[in-house]
Amino acid sequence: MAFTAHGLFVSGAEAALAEEALERVVVTDSVPAFRLADPAVLEKVEVLSAAPLLAEGVRRLITGAETTDLLAY
């Protein structure tokens, strides 16, 4: 498995993701996975929304609440 904040999927990424050793790739939706076309590769990619984490960070900054625990994941 691989986890990343921004799935840029530059040149050669599709071939790397097609490798059998890589079971799943989890990315945020901060950058669309528009460079991936192979349906078999796309099946391995799980896209999570970054919006809830960003919204919580903004809320805490505005209210003066602690933000360090948001960085623990």
C-alpha atoms as a PDB file:
ATOM      1  CA  MET A   1       0.000   0.000   0.000  1.00  0.00           C
ATOM      2  CA  ALA A   2       1.040   3.582  -0.584  1.00  0.00           C
ATOM      3  CA  PHE A   3      -0.346   6.799   0.873  1.00  0.00           C
ATOM      4  CA  THR A   4       0.179  10.300  -0.448  1.00  0.00           C
ATOM      5  CA  ALA A   5      -1.327  13.734  -0.036  1.00  0.00           C
ATOM      6  CA  HIS A   6      -1.192  14.723  -3.697  1.00  0.00           C
ATOM      7  CA  GLY A   7      -1.593  12.093  -6.421  1.00  0.00           C
ATOM      8  CA  LEU A   8       0.257  13.877  -9.217  1.00  0.00           C
ATOM      9  CA  PHE A   9       0.822  10.642 -11.163  1.00  0.00           C
ATOM     10  CA  VAL A  10       3.522  12.013 -13.466  1.00  0.00           C
ATOM     11  CA  SER A  11       5.156  10.181 -16.370  1.00  0.00           C
ATOM     12  CA  GLY A  12       5.799   6.532 -15.499  1.00  0.00           C
ATOM     13  CA  ALA A  13       3.375   6.477 -12.588  1.00  0.00           C
ATOM     14  CA  GLU A  14       0.835   4.306 -14.360  1.00  0.00           C
ATOM     15  CA  ALA A  15       3.460   1.610 -15.013  1.00  0.00           C
ATOM     16  CA  ALA A  16       4.613   1.737 -11.390  1.00  0.00           C
ATOM     17  CA  LEU A  17       1.045   1.493 -10.115  1.00  0.00           C
ATOM     18  CA  ALA A  18       0.378  -1.501 -12.361  1.00  0.00           C
ATOM     19  CA  GLU A  19       2.997  -3.556 -10.473  1.00  0.00           C
ATOM     20  CA  GLU A  20       1.466  -6.532  -8.649  1.00  0.00           C
ATOM     21  CA  ALA A  21       3.392  -5.705  -5.473  1.00  0.00           C
ATOM     22  CA  LEU A  22       1.375  -2.518  -5.066  1.00  0.00           C
ATOM     23  CA  GLU A  23      -2.094  -3.459  -3.890  1.00  0.00           C
ATOM     24  CA  ARG A  24      -3.645  -0.028  -3.218  1.00  0.00           C
ATOM     25  CA  VAL A  25      -2.775   3.669  -3.417  1.00  0.00           C
ATOM     26  CA  VAL A  26      -4.609   6.135  -1.174  1.00  0.00           C
ATOM     27  CA  VAL A  27      -4.486   9.809  -2.168  1.00  0.00           C
ATOM     28  CA  THR A  28      -6.378  12.966  -1.310  1.00  0.00           C
ATOM     29  CA  ASP A  29      -8.509  14.822  -3.820  1.00  0.00           C
ATOM     30  CA  SER A  30      -6.251  17.881  -3.664  1.00  0.00           C
ATOM     31  CA  VAL A  31      -5.116  17.068  -7.232  1.00  0.00           C
ATOM     32  CA  PRO A  32      -7.350  15.117  -9.653  1.00  0.00           C
ATOM     33  CA  ALA A  33      -6.000  11.772 -10.887  1.00  0.00           C
ATOM     34  CA  PHE A  34      -6.516  12.919 -14.473  1.00  0.00           C
ATOM     35  CA  ARG A  35      -3.305  11.352 -15.821  1.00  0.00           C
ATOM     36  CA  LEU A  36      -4.427   7.785 -15.097  1.00  0.00           C
ATOM     37  CA  ALA A  37      -6.371   6.068 -17.870  1.00  0.00           C
ATOM     38  CA  ASP A  38      -5.874   2.322 -17.304  1.00  0.00           C
ATOM     39  CA  PRO A  39      -9.013   0.939 -15.596  1.00  0.00           C
ATOM     40  CA  ALA A  40      -6.958  -1.744 -13.779  1.00  0.00           C
ATOM     41  CA  VAL A  41      -4.717   0.953 -12.287  1.00  0.00           C
ATOM     42  CA  LEU A  42      -7.656   3.175 -11.392  1.00  0.00           C
ATOM     43  CA  GLU A  43      -9.164   0.276  -9.408  1.00  0.00           C
ATOM     44  CA  LYS A  44      -6.127   0.416  -7.105  1.00  0.00           C
ATOM     45  CA  VAL A  45      -6.503   4.134  -6.395  1.00  0.00           C
ATOM     46  CA  GLU A  46      -8.655   5.242  -3.465  1.00  0.00           C
ATOM     47  CA  VAL A  47      -9.323   8.986  -3.309  1.00  0.00           C
ATOM     48  CA  LEU A  48     -10.143  10.552   0.055  1.00  0.00           C
ATOM     49  CA  SER A  49     -11.549  14.042   0.475  1.00  0.00           C
ATOM     50  CA  ALA A  50      -9.171  16.534   2.074  1.00  0.00           C
ATOM     51  CA  ALA A  51     -12.042  18.955   2.782  1.00  0.00           C
ATOM     52  CA  PRO A  52     -13.015  17.709   6.277  1.00  0.00           C
ATOM     53  CA  LEU A  53      -9.440  17.957   7.569  1.00  0.00           C
ATOM     54  CA  LEU A  54      -8.909  21.390   6.032  1.00  0.00           C
ATOM     55  CA  ALA A  55     -12.225  22.640   7.403  1.00  0.00           C
ATOM     56  CA  GLU A  56     -11.382  21.387  10.888  1.00  0.00           C
ATOM     57  CA  GLY A  57      -7.982  23.079  10.700  1.00  0.00           C
ATOM     58  CA  VAL A  58      -9.567  26.394   9.703  1.00  0.00           C
ATOM     59  CA  ARG A  59     -12.188  26.061  12.442  1.00  0.00           C
ATOM     60  CA  ARG A  60      -9.524  25.479  15.074  1.00  0.00           C
ATOM     61  CA  LEU A  61      -7.384  28.361  13.853  1.00  0.00           C
ATOM     62  CA  ILE A  62     -10.346  30.738  13.977  1.00  0.00           C
ATOM     63  CA  THR A  63     -11.405  29.628  17.455  1.00  0.00           C
ATOM     64  CA  GLY A  64      -7.879  29.404  18.856  1.00  0.00           C
ATOM     65  CA  ALA A  65      -8.162  25.652  19.467  1.00  0.00           C
ATOM     66  CA  GLU A  66      -5.169  23.302  19.403  1.00  0.00           C
ATOM     67  CA  THR A  67      -4.168  22.042  15.943  1.00  0.00           C
ATOM     68  CA  THR A  68      -1.160  19.808  16.624  1.00  0.00           C
ATOM     69  CA  ASP A  69      -3.216  16.623  16.865  1.00  0.00           C
ATOM     70  CA  LEU A  70      -4.370  17.167  13.263  1.00  0.00           C
ATOM     71  CA  LEU A  71      -0.787  16.512  12.165  1.00  0.00           C
ATOM     72  CA  ALA A  72      -0.639  13.096  13.848  1.00  0.00           C
ATOM     73  CA  TYR A  73      -2.056  11.216  10.870  1.00  0.00           C
END
